[in-house]
PDB file of all heavy atoms in Angstrom:
ATOM      1  N   ALA A   1     -11.121  36.266  79.184  1.00  0.00           N
ATOM      2  CA  ALA A   1     -12.040  35.170  79.492  1.00  0.00           C
ATOM      3  C   ALA A   1     -11.471  34.390  80.673  1.00  0.00           C
ATOM      4  O   ALA A   1     -10.282  34.090  80.707  1.00  0.00           O
ATOM      5  CB  ALA A   1     -12.217  34.261  78.280  1.00  0.00           C
ATOM      6  N   THR A   2     -12.328  34.089  81.637  1.00  0.00           N
ATOM      7  CA  THR A   2     -11.923  33.411  82.867  1.00  0.00           C
ATOM      8  C   THR A   2     -12.243  31.921  82.775  1.00  0.00           C
ATOM      9  O   THR A   2     -13.379  31.539  82.475  1.00  0.00           O
ATOM     10  CB  THR A   2     -12.639  34.042  84.074  1.00  0.00           C
ATOM     11  OG1 THR A   2     -12.337  35.435  84.094  1.00  0.00           O
ATOM     12  CG2 THR A   2     -12.195  33.412  85.371  1.00  0.00           C
ATOM     13  N   LEU A   3     -11.262  31.094  83.076  1.00  0.00           N
ATOM     14  CA  LEU A   3     -11.370  29.644  82.957  1.00  0.00           C
ATOM     15  C   LEU A   3     -12.384  29.070  83.935  1.00  0.00           C
ATOM     16  O   LEU A   3     -12.318  29.329  85.134  1.00  0.00           O
ATOM     17  CB  LEU A   3      -9.996  29.016  83.208  1.00  0.00           C
ATOM     18  CG  LEU A   3      -9.887  27.515  83.021  1.00  0.00           C
ATOM     19  CD1 LEU A   3     -10.128  27.129  81.571  1.00  0.00           C
ATOM     20  CD2 LEU A   3      -8.525  27.035  83.473  1.00  0.00           C
ATOM     21  N   GLU A   4     -13.329  28.283  83.415  1.00  0.00           N
ATOM     22  CA  GLU A   4     -14.305  27.562  84.245  1.00  0.00           C
ATOM     23  C   GLU A   4     -13.910  26.096  84.411  1.00  0.00           C
ATOM     24  O   GLU A   4     -13.971  25.557  85.498  1.00  0.00           O
ATOM     25  CB  GLU A   4     -15.691  27.596  83.590  1.00  0.00           C
ATOM     26  CG  GLU A   4     -16.524  28.754  83.963  1.00  0.00           C
ATOM     27  CD  GLU A   4     -17.956  28.575  83.498  1.00  0.00           C
ATOM     28  OE1 GLU A   4     -18.216  28.156  82.361  1.00  0.00           O
ATOM     29  OE2 GLU A   4     -18.835  28.879  84.310  1.00  0.00           O
ATOM     30  N   THR A   5     -13.565  25.460  83.307  1.00  0.00           N
ATOM     31  CA  THR A   5     -13.141  24.064  83.345  1.00  0.00           C
ATOM     32  C   THR A   5     -12.326  23.782  82.082  1.00  0.00           C
ATOM     33  O   THR A   5     -12.299  24.594  81.164  1.00  0.00           O
ATOM     34  CB  THR A   5     -14.345  23.101  83.473  1.00  0.00           C
ATOM     35  OG1 THR A   5     -13.867  21.781  83.757  1.00  0.00           O
ATOM     36  CG2 THR A   5     -15.194  23.086  82.218  1.00  0.00           C
ATOM     37  N   PHE A   6     -11.677  22.623  82.049  1.00  0.00           N
ATOM     38  CA  PHE A   6     -10.775  22.348  80.933  1.00  0.00           C
ATOM     39  C   PHE A   6     -10.478  20.859  80.850  1.00  0.00           C
ATOM     40  O   PHE A   6     -10.777  20.091  81.763  1.00  0.00           O
ATOM     41  CB  PHE A   6      -9.452  23.095  81.127  1.00  0.00           C
ATOM     42  CG  PHE A   6      -8.649  22.571  82.286  1.00  0.00           C
ATOM     43  CD1 PHE A   6      -7.656  21.625  82.086  1.00  0.00           C
ATOM     44  CD2 PHE A   6      -8.922  22.985  83.580  1.00  0.00           C
ATOM     45  CE1 PHE A   6      -6.939  21.111  83.157  1.00  0.00           C
ATOM     46  CE2 PHE A   6      -8.207  22.487  84.656  1.00  0.00           C
ATOM     47  CZ  PHE A   6      -7.214  21.552  84.442  1.00  0.00           C
ATOM     48  N   MET A   7      -9.855  20.476  79.746  1.00  0.00           N
ATOM     49  CA  MET A   7      -9.262  19.151  79.605  1.00  0.00           C
ATOM     50  C   MET A   7      -8.082  19.269  78.659  1.00  0.00           C
ATOM     51  O   MET A   7      -8.031  20.166  77.819  1.00  0.00           O
ATOM     52  CB  MET A   7     -10.260  18.112  79.121  1.00  0.00           C
ATOM     53  CG  MET A   7     -10.760  18.304  77.749  1.00  0.00           C
ATOM     54  SD  MET A   7     -11.898  16.952  77.355  1.00  0.00           S
ATOM     55  CE  MET A   7     -12.749  17.672  75.980  1.00  0.00           C
ATOM     56  N   VAL A   8      -7.120  18.388  78.841  1.00  0.00           N
ATOM     57  CA  VAL A   8      -5.963  18.312  77.960  1.00  0.00           C
ATOM     58  C   VAL A   8      -6.004  16.938  77.316  1.00  0.00           C
ATOM     59  O   VAL A   8      -6.150  15.933  78.013  1.00  0.00           O
ATOM     60  CB  VAL A   8      -4.646  18.532  78.738  1.00  0.00           C
ATOM     61  CG1 VAL A   8      -3.449  18.384  77.815  1.00  0.00           C
ATOM     62  CG2 VAL A   8      -4.641  19.910  79.400  1.00  0.00           C
ATOM     63  N   LEU A   9      -5.895  16.887  76.004  1.00  0.00           N
ATOM     64  CA  LEU A   9      -5.970  15.626  75.277  1.00  0.00           C
ATOM     65  C   LEU A   9      -4.581  15.184  74.850  1.00  0.00           C
ATOM     66  O   LEU A   9      -3.743  16.014  74.498  1.00  0.00           O
ATOM     67  CB  LEU A   9      -6.876  15.777  74.060  1.00  0.00           C
ATOM     68  CG  LEU A   9      -8.338  16.002  74.459  1.00  0.00           C
ATOM     69  CD1 LEU A   9      -8.673  17.462  74.359  1.00  0.00           C
ATOM     70  CD2 LEU A   9      -9.237  15.174  73.609  1.00  0.00           C
ATOM     71  N   PHE A  10      -4.377  13.874  74.860  1.00  0.00           N
ATOM     72  CA  PHE A  10      -3.089  13.269  74.538  1.00  0.00           C
ATOM     73  C   PHE A  10      -3.273  12.231  73.444  1.00  0.00           C
ATOM     74  O   PHE A  10      -4.335  11.610  73.335  1.00  0.00           O
ATOM     75  CB  PHE A  10      -2.510  12.565  75.773  1.00  0.00           C
ATOM     76  CG  PHE A  10      -2.244  13.497  76.923  1.00  0.00           C
ATOM     77  CD1 PHE A  10      -3.248  13.862  77.792  1.00  0.00           C
ATOM     78  CD2 PHE A  10      -0.978  14.014  77.129  1.00  0.00           C
ATOM     79  CE1 PHE A  10      -3.009  14.723  78.857  1.00  0.00           C
ATOM     80  CE2 PHE A  10      -0.711  14.878  78.185  1.00  0.00           C
ATOM     81  CZ  PHE A  10      -1.735  15.229  79.046  1.00  0.00           C
ATOM     82  N   ASP A  11      -2.218  12.006  72.668  1.00  0.00           N
ATOM     83  CA  ASP A  11      -2.266  10.929  71.689  1.00  0.00           C
ATOM     84  C   ASP A  11      -1.845   9.617  72.359  1.00  0.00           C
ATOM     85  O   ASP A  11      -1.532   9.586  73.553  1.00  0.00           O
ATOM     86  CB  ASP A  11      -1.416  11.257  70.453  1.00  0.00           C
ATOM     87  CG  ASP A  11       0.080  11.364  70.742  1.00  0.00           C
ATOM     88  OD1 ASP A  11       0.555  10.872  71.791  1.00  0.00           O
ATOM     89  OD2 ASP A  11       0.792  11.946  69.896  1.00  0.00           O
ATOM     90  N   ARG A  12      -1.815   8.545  71.612  1.00  0.00           N
ATOM     91  CA  ARG A  12      -1.495   7.225  72.174  1.00  0.00           C
ATOM     92  C   ARG A  12      -0.080   7.128  72.729  1.00  0.00           C
ATOM     93  O   ARG A  12       0.209   6.282  73.558  1.00  0.00           O
ATOM     94  CB  ARG A  12      -1.704   6.145  71.117  1.00  0.00           C
ATOM     95  CG  ARG A  12      -3.154   5.947  70.770  1.00  0.00           C
ATOM     96  CD  ARG A  12      -3.308   4.799  69.788  1.00  0.00           C
ATOM     97  NE  ARG A  12      -4.678   4.654  69.396  1.00  0.00           N
ATOM     98  CZ  ARG A  12      -5.542   3.835  69.975  1.00  0.00           C
ATOM     99  NH1 ARG A  12      -5.158   3.098  70.983  1.00  0.00           N
ATOM    100  NH2 ARG A  12      -6.778   3.758  69.553  1.00  0.00           N
ATOM    101  N   ASP A  13       0.801   8.001  72.270  1.00  0.00           N
ATOM    102  CA  ASP A  13       2.183   7.988  72.754  1.00  0.00           C
ATOM    103  C   ASP A  13       2.390   8.890  73.958  1.00  0.00           C
ATOM    104  O   ASP A  13       3.513   9.035  74.450  1.00  0.00           O
ATOM    105  CB  ASP A  13       3.133   8.411  71.628  1.00  0.00           C
ATOM    106  CG  ASP A  13       3.110   7.431  70.468  1.00  0.00           C
ATOM    107  OD1 ASP A  13       2.996   6.213  70.726  1.00  0.00           O
ATOM    108  OD2 ASP A  13       3.192   7.884  69.313  1.00  0.00           O
ATOM    109  N   GLY A  14       1.311   9.523  74.442  1.00  0.00           N
ATOM    110  CA  GLY A  14       1.423  10.384  75.610  1.00  0.00           C
ATOM    111  C   GLY A  14       1.780  11.819  75.312  1.00  0.00           C
ATOM    112  O   GLY A  14       2.058  12.592  76.228  1.00  0.00           O
ATOM    113  N   ASN A  15       1.755  12.199  74.045  1.00  0.00           N
ATOM    114  CA  ASN A  15       2.053  13.585  73.656  1.00  0.00           C
ATOM    115  C   ASN A  15       0.774  14.405  73.658  1.00  0.00           C
ATOM    116  O   ASN A  15      -0.285  13.934  73.221  1.00  0.00           O
ATOM    117  CB  ASN A  15       2.677  13.639  72.263  1.00  0.00           C
ATOM    118  CG  ASN A  15       3.953  12.823  72.203  1.00  0.00           C
ATOM    119  OD1 ASN A  15       4.836  12.995  73.025  1.00  0.00           O
ATOM    120  ND2 ASN A  15       4.041  11.930  71.228  1.00  0.00           N
ATOM    121  N   VAL A  16       0.870  15.642  74.116  1.00  0.00           N
ATOM    122  CA  VAL A  16      -0.300  16.530  74.132  1.00  0.00           C
ATOM    123  C   VAL A  16      -0.714  16.851  72.702  1.00  0.00           C
ATOM    124  O   VAL A  16       0.123  17.219  71.873  1.00  0.00           O
ATOM    125  CB  VAL A  16       0.023  17.833  74.886  1.00  0.00           C
ATOM    126  CG1 VAL A  16      -1.117  18.827  74.763  1.00  0.00           C
ATOM    127  CG2 VAL A  16       0.317  17.548  76.343  1.00  0.00           C
ATOM    128  N   THR A  17      -2.005  16.681  72.398  1.00  0.00           N
ATOM    129  CA  THR A  17      -2.519  17.077  71.086  1.00  0.00           C
ATOM    130  C   THR A  17      -3.077  18.495  71.133  1.00  0.00           C
ATOM    131  O   THR A  17      -2.896  19.257  70.202  1.00  0.00           O
ATOM    132  CB  THR A  17      -3.589  16.110  70.560  1.00  0.00           C
ATOM    133  OG1 THR A  17      -4.702  16.110  71.454  1.00  0.00           O
ATOM    134  CG2 THR A  17      -3.026  14.711  70.397  1.00  0.00           C
ATOM    135  N   HIS A  18      -3.753  18.848  72.236  1.00  0.00           N
ATOM    136  CA  HIS A  18      -4.272  20.199  72.441  1.00  0.00           C
ATOM    137  C   HIS A  18      -5.049  20.235  73.751  1.00  0.00           C
ATOM    138  O   HIS A  18      -5.295  19.204  74.369  1.00  0.00           O
ATOM    139  CB  HIS A  18      -5.154  20.655  71.274  1.00  0.00           C
ATOM    140  CG  HIS A  18      -6.401  19.846  71.094  1.00  0.00           C
ATOM    141  ND1 HIS A  18      -6.408  18.575  70.564  1.00  0.00           N
ATOM    142  CD2 HIS A  18      -7.682  20.127  71.389  1.00  0.00           C
ATOM    143  CE1 HIS A  18      -7.647  18.114  70.521  1.00  0.00           C
ATOM    144  NE2 HIS A  18      -8.448  19.037  71.029  1.00  0.00           N
ATOM    145  N   GLY A  19      -5.445  21.415  74.139  1.00  0.00           N
ATOM    146  CA  GLY A  19      -6.313  21.595  75.299  1.00  0.00           C
ATOM    147  C   GLY A  19      -7.659  22.135  74.849  1.00  0.00           C
ATOM    148  O   GLY A  19      -7.772  22.721  73.766  1.00  0.00           O
ATOM    149  N   VAL A  20      -8.664  21.927  75.670  1.00  0.00           N
ATOM    150  CA  VAL A  20      -9.994  22.491  75.433  1.00  0.00           C
ATOM    151  C   VAL A  20     -10.414  23.163  76.724  1.00  0.00           C
ATOM    152  O   VAL A  20     -10.315  22.561  77.799  1.00  0.00           O
ATOM    153  CB  VAL A  20     -11.017  21.397  75.056  1.00  0.00           C
ATOM    154  CG1 VAL A  20     -12.405  21.997  74.881  1.00  0.00           C
ATOM    155  CG2 VAL A  20     -10.589  20.661  73.795  1.00  0.00           C
ATOM    156  N   VAL A  21     -10.866  24.406  76.637  1.00  0.00           N
ATOM    157  CA  VAL A  21     -11.296  25.128  77.826  1.00  0.00           C
ATOM    158  C   VAL A  21     -12.716  25.639  77.642  1.00  0.00           C
ATOM    159  O   VAL A  21     -13.162  25.917  76.537  1.00  0.00           O
ATOM    160  CB  VAL A  21     -10.364  26.316  78.167  1.00  0.00           C
ATOM    161  CG1 VAL A  21      -8.940  25.860  78.373  1.00  0.00           C
ATOM    162  CG2 VAL A  21     -10.419  27.396  77.121  1.00  0.00           C
ATOM    163  N   ILE A  22     -13.410  25.721  78.762  1.00  0.00           N
ATOM    164  CA  ILE A  22     -14.690  26.417  78.843  1.00  0.00           C
ATOM    165  C   ILE A  22     -14.407  27.630  79.716  1.00  0.00           C
ATOM    166  O   ILE A  22     -13.859  27.490  80.814  1.00  0.00           O
ATOM    167  CB  ILE A  22     -15.794  25.546  79.471  1.00  0.00           C
ATOM    168  CG1 ILE A  22     -15.950  24.215  78.723  1.00  0.00           C
ATOM    169  CG2 ILE A  22     -17.108  26.313  79.541  1.00  0.00           C
ATOM    170  CD1 ILE A  22     -16.415  24.324  77.292  1.00  0.00           C
ATOM    171  N   ALA A  23     -14.742  28.803  79.217  1.00  0.00           N
ATOM    172  CA  ALA A  23     -14.408  30.035  79.934  1.00  0.00           C
ATOM    173  C   ALA A  23     -15.585  30.997  79.873  1.00  0.00           C
ATOM    174  O   ALA A  23     -16.505  30.824  79.075  1.00  0.00           O
ATOM    175  CB  ALA A  23     -13.158  30.673  79.322  1.00  0.00           C
ATOM    176  N   ARG A  24     -15.528  32.012  80.733  1.00  0.00           N
ATOM    177  CA  ARG A  24     -16.556  33.049  80.771  1.00  0.00           C
ATOM    178  C   ARG A  24     -15.976  34.379  80.317  1.00  0.00           C
ATOM    179  O   ARG A  24     -14.914  34.796  80.770  1.00  0.00           O
ATOM    180  CB  ARG A  24     -17.091  33.233  82.184  1.00  0.00           C
ATOM    181  CG  ARG A  24     -17.914  32.095  82.712  1.00  0.00           C
ATOM    182  CD  ARG A  24     -19.335  32.108  82.133  1.00  0.00           C
ATOM    183  NE  ARG A  24     -20.118  31.096  82.790  1.00  0.00           N
ATOM    184  CZ  ARG A  24     -21.024  31.343  83.726  1.00  0.00           C
ATOM    185  NH1 ARG A  24     -21.283  32.573  84.098  1.00  0.00           N
ATOM    186  NH2 ARG A  24     -21.673  30.354  84.291  1.00  0.00           N
ATOM    187  N   ALA A  25     -16.708  35.039  79.437  1.00  0.00           N
ATOM    188  CA  ALA A  25     -16.370  36.391  78.987  1.00  0.00           C
ATOM    189  C   ALA A  25     -16.802  37.375  80.076  1.00  0.00           C
ATOM    190  O   ALA A  25     -17.582  37.018  80.962  1.00  0.00           O
ATOM    191  CB  ALA A  25     -17.084  36.683  77.671  1.00  0.00           C
ATOM    192  N   PRO A  26     -16.326  38.615  80.033  1.00  0.00           N
ATOM    193  CA  PRO A  26     -16.706  39.595  81.053  1.00  0.00           C
ATOM    194  C   PRO A  26     -18.213  39.829  81.172  1.00  0.00           C
ATOM    195  O   PRO A  26     -18.706  40.158  82.242  1.00  0.00           O
ATOM    196  CB  PRO A  26     -15.997  40.881  80.601  1.00  0.00           C
ATOM    197  CG  PRO A  26     -14.815  40.397  79.840  1.00  0.00           C
ATOM    198  CD  PRO A  26     -15.298  39.154  79.140  1.00  0.00           C
ATOM    199  N   ASP A  27     -18.961  39.636  80.082  1.00  0.00           N
ATOM    200  CA  ASP A  27     -20.415  39.816  80.140  1.00  0.00           C
ATOM    201  C   ASP A  27     -21.136  38.538  80.577  1.00  0.00           C
ATOM    202  O   ASP A  27     -22.345  38.431  80.473  1.00  0.00           O
ATOM    203  CB  ASP A  27     -20.959  40.301  78.806  1.00  0.00           C
ATOM    204  CG  ASP A  27     -20.793  39.277  77.689  1.00  0.00           C
ATOM    205  OD1 ASP A  27     -20.172  38.214  77.909  1.00  0.00           O
ATOM    206  OD2 ASP A  27     -21.270  39.553  76.570  1.00  0.00           O
ATOM    207  N   ASP A  28     -20.384  37.564  81.082  1.00  0.00           N
ATOM    208  CA  ASP A  28     -20.874  36.288  81.624  1.00  0.00           C
ATOM    209  C   ASP A  28     -21.247  35.264  80.550  1.00  0.00           C
ATOM    210  O   ASP A  28     -21.725  34.191  80.866  1.00  0.00           O
ATOM    211  CB  ASP A  28     -22.040  36.506  82.587  1.00  0.00           C
ATOM    212  CG  ASP A  28     -22.060  35.463  83.689  1.00  0.00           C
ATOM    213  OD1 ASP A  28     -20.973  35.022  84.099  1.00  0.00           O
ATOM    214  OD2 ASP A  28     -23.163  35.069  84.135  1.00  0.00           O
ATOM    215  N   ALA A  29     -21.047  35.579  79.272  1.00  0.00           N
ATOM    216  CA  ALA A  29     -21.287  34.585  78.224  1.00  0.00           C
ATOM    217  C   ALA A  29     -20.226  33.492  78.337  1.00  0.00           C
ATOM    218  O   ALA A  29     -19.117  33.722  78.806  1.00  0.00           O
ATOM    219  CB  ALA A  29     -21.216  35.236  76.847  1.00  0.00           C
ATOM    220  N   ARG A  30     -20.597  32.304  77.932  1.00  0.00           N
ATOM    221  CA  ARG A  30     -19.687  31.147  78.007  1.00  0.00           C
ATOM    222  C   ARG A  30     -19.105  30.888  76.626  1.00  0.00           C
ATOM    223  O   ARG A  30     -19.798  30.972  75.620  1.00  0.00           O
ATOM    224  CB  ARG A  30     -20.473  29.933  78.492  1.00  0.00           C
ATOM    225  CG  ARG A  30     -19.648  28.717  78.730  1.00  0.00           C
ATOM    226  CD  ARG A  30     -20.464  27.641  79.406  1.00  0.00           C
ATOM    227  NE  ARG A  30     -20.480  27.886  80.837  1.00  0.00           N
ATOM    228  CZ  ARG A  30     -21.435  27.465  81.657  1.00  0.00           C
ATOM    229  NH1 ARG A  30     -22.467  26.806  81.200  1.00  0.00           N
ATOM    230  NH2 ARG A  30     -21.369  27.710  82.945  1.00  0.00           N
ATOM    231  N   ILE A  31     -17.815  30.545  76.606  1.00  0.00           N
ATOM    232  CA  ILE A  31     -17.152  30.202  75.346  1.00  0.00           C
ATOM    233  C   ILE A  31     -16.429  28.867  75.505  1.00  0.00           C
ATOM    234  O   ILE A  31     -16.074  28.471  76.620  1.00  0.00           O
ATOM    235  CB  ILE A  31     -16.143  31.278  74.898  1.00  0.00           C
ATOM    236  CG1 ILE A  31     -14.998  31.423  75.907  1.00  0.00           C
ATOM    237  CG2 ILE A  31     -16.828  32.607  74.660  1.00  0.00           C
ATOM    238  CD1 ILE A  31     -13.826  32.241  75.413  1.00  0.00           C
ATOM    239  N   MET A  32     -16.245  28.186  74.396  1.00  0.00           N
ATOM    240  CA  MET A  32     -15.409  27.001  74.364  1.00  0.00           C
ATOM    241  C   MET A  32     -14.260  27.324  73.424  1.00  0.00           C
ATOM    242  O   MET A  32     -14.473  27.860  72.337  1.00  0.00           O
ATOM    243  CB  MET A  32     -16.169  25.782  73.859  1.00  0.00           C
ATOM    244  CG  MET A  32     -15.318  24.528  73.875  1.00  0.00           C
ATOM    245  SD  MET A  32     -16.262  22.997  73.732  1.00  0.00           S
ATOM    246  CE  MET A  32     -16.693  23.003  72.022  1.00  0.00           C
ATOM    247  N   ALA A  33     -13.045  27.032  73.873  1.00  0.00           N
ATOM    248  CA  ALA A  33     -11.864  27.402  73.085  1.00  0.00           C
ATOM    249  C   ALA A  33     -10.829  26.290  73.129  1.00  0.00           C
ATOM    250  O   ALA A  33     -10.858  25.429  74.004  1.00  0.00           O
ATOM    251  CB  ALA A  33     -11.264  28.695  73.642  1.00  0.00           C
ATOM    252  N   ILE A  34      -9.907  26.348  72.181  1.00  0.00           N
ATOM    253  CA  ILE A  34      -8.808  25.392  72.165  1.00  0.00           C
ATOM    254  C   ILE A  34      -7.543  26.052  72.704  1.00  0.00           C
ATOM    255  O   ILE A  34      -7.413  27.277  72.702  1.00  0.00           O
ATOM    256  CB  ILE A  34      -8.532  24.836  70.750  1.00  0.00           C
ATOM    257  CG1 ILE A  34      -8.057  25.958  69.818  1.00  0.00           C
ATOM    258  CG2 ILE A  34      -9.750  24.130  70.196  1.00  0.00           C
ATOM    259  CD1 ILE A  34      -7.368  25.445  68.570  1.00  0.00           C
ATOM    260  N   VAL A  35      -6.648  25.216  73.183  1.00  0.00           N
ATOM    261  CA  VAL A  35      -5.285  25.637  73.509  1.00  0.00           C
ATOM    262  C   VAL A  35      -4.402  24.827  72.566  1.00  0.00           C
ATOM    263  O   VAL A  35      -4.349  23.598  72.665  1.00  0.00           O
ATOM    264  CB  VAL A  35      -4.924  25.343  74.978  1.00  0.00           C
ATOM    265  CG1 VAL A  35      -3.477  25.723  75.253  1.00  0.00           C
ATOM    266  CG2 VAL A  35      -5.872  26.072  75.921  1.00  0.00           C
ATOM    267  N   PRO A  36      -3.740  25.476  71.623  1.00  0.00           N
ATOM    268  CA  PRO A  36      -2.939  24.733  70.654  1.00  0.00           C
ATOM    269  C   PRO A  36      -1.754  24.033  71.317  1.00  0.00           C
ATOM    270  O   PRO A  36      -1.263  24.475  72.359  1.00  0.00           O
ATOM    271  CB  PRO A  36      -2.454  25.798  69.671  1.00  0.00           C
ATOM    272  CG  PRO A  36      -2.986  27.101  70.123  1.00  0.00           C
ATOM    273  CD  PRO A  36      -3.742  26.906  71.389  1.00  0.00           C
ATOM    274  N   PRO A  37      -1.274  22.940  70.730  1.00  0.00           N
ATOM    275  CA  PRO A  37      -0.186  22.176  71.350  1.00  0.00           C
ATOM    276  C   PRO A  37       1.116  22.956  71.484  1.00  0.00           C
ATOM    277  O   PRO A  37       1.938  22.643  72.343  1.00  0.00           O
ATOM    278  CB  PRO A  37      -0.017  20.978  70.421  1.00  0.00           C
ATOM    279  CG  PRO A  37      -0.633  21.376  69.127  1.00  0.00           C
ATOM    280  CD  PRO A  37      -1.712  22.363  69.457  1.00  0.00           C
ATOM    281  N   GLU A  38       1.305  23.993  70.685  1.00  0.00           N
ATOM    282  CA  GLU A  38       2.544  24.774  70.792  1.00  0.00           C
ATOM    283  C   GLU A  38       2.503  25.812  71.919  1.00  0.00           C
ATOM    284  O   GLU A  38       3.518  26.433  72.223  1.00  0.00           O
ATOM    285  CB  GLU A  38       2.883  25.444  69.457  1.00  0.00           C
ATOM    286  CG  GLU A  38       1.837  26.378  68.925  1.00  0.00           C
ATOM    287  CD  GLU A  38       0.754  25.700  68.084  1.00  0.00           C
ATOM    288  OE1 GLU A  38       0.725  24.463  67.966  1.00  0.00           O
ATOM    289  OE2 GLU A  38      -0.072  26.441  67.530  1.00  0.00           O
ATOM    290  N   ASP A  39       1.349  26.001  72.577  1.00  0.00           N
ATOM    291  CA  ASP A  39       1.250  26.950  73.689  1.00  0.00           C
ATOM    292  C   ASP A  39       1.676  26.241  74.980  1.00  0.00           C
ATOM    293  O   ASP A  39       0.861  25.887  75.828  1.00  0.00           O
ATOM    294  CB  ASP A  39      -0.163  27.510  73.798  1.00  0.00           C
ATOM    295  CG  ASP A  39      -0.287  28.615  74.833  1.00  0.00           C
ATOM    296  OD1 ASP A  39       0.675  28.834  75.608  1.00  0.00           O
ATOM    297  OD2 ASP A  39      -1.347  29.257  74.882  1.00  0.00           O
ATOM    298  N   ASN A  40       2.968  26.038  75.109  1.00  0.00           N
ATOM    299  CA  ASN A  40       3.513  25.278  76.238  1.00  0.00           C
ATOM    300  C   ASN A  40       3.199  25.899  77.591  1.00  0.00           C
ATOM    301  O   ASN A  40       2.939  25.188  78.563  1.00  0.00           O
ATOM    302  CB  ASN A  40       5.029  25.113  76.085  1.00  0.00           C
ATOM    303  CG  ASN A  40       5.371  24.274  74.875  1.00  0.00           C
ATOM    304  OD1 ASN A  40       4.679  23.315  74.566  1.00  0.00           O
ATOM    305  ND2 ASN A  40       6.425  24.647  74.173  1.00  0.00           N
ATOM    306  N   ALA A  41       3.215  27.224  77.692  1.00  0.00           N
ATOM    307  CA  ALA A  41       2.976  27.887  78.978  1.00  0.00           C
ATOM    308  C   ALA A  41       1.549  27.658  79.458  1.00  0.00           C
ATOM    309  O   ALA A  41       1.322  27.339  80.636  1.00  0.00           O
ATOM    310  CB  ALA A  41       3.265  29.382  78.861  1.00  0.00           C
ATOM    311  N   THR A  42       0.574  27.790  78.566  1.00  0.00           N
ATOM    312  CA  THR A  42      -0.827  27.580  78.958  1.00  0.00           C
ATOM    313  C   THR A  42      -1.073  26.118  79.297  1.00  0.00           C
ATOM    314  O   THR A  42      -1.731  25.805  80.290  1.00  0.00           O
ATOM    315  CB  THR A  42      -1.780  28.058  77.857  1.00  0.00           C
ATOM    316  OG1 THR A  42      -1.572  29.462  77.659  1.00  0.00           O
ATOM    317  CG2 THR A  42      -3.225  27.816  78.228  1.00  0.00           C
TER     318      THR A  42
END
């Protein structure tokens, strides 16, 4: 899935809670997905 847009959410202390991405599948369908807080590389 290819990234179209995204946001990263933080708690009040400035720590990442998770990411949210909008992406496209190879057949051009759109998906919304999370990036868990433990996925530091992403």
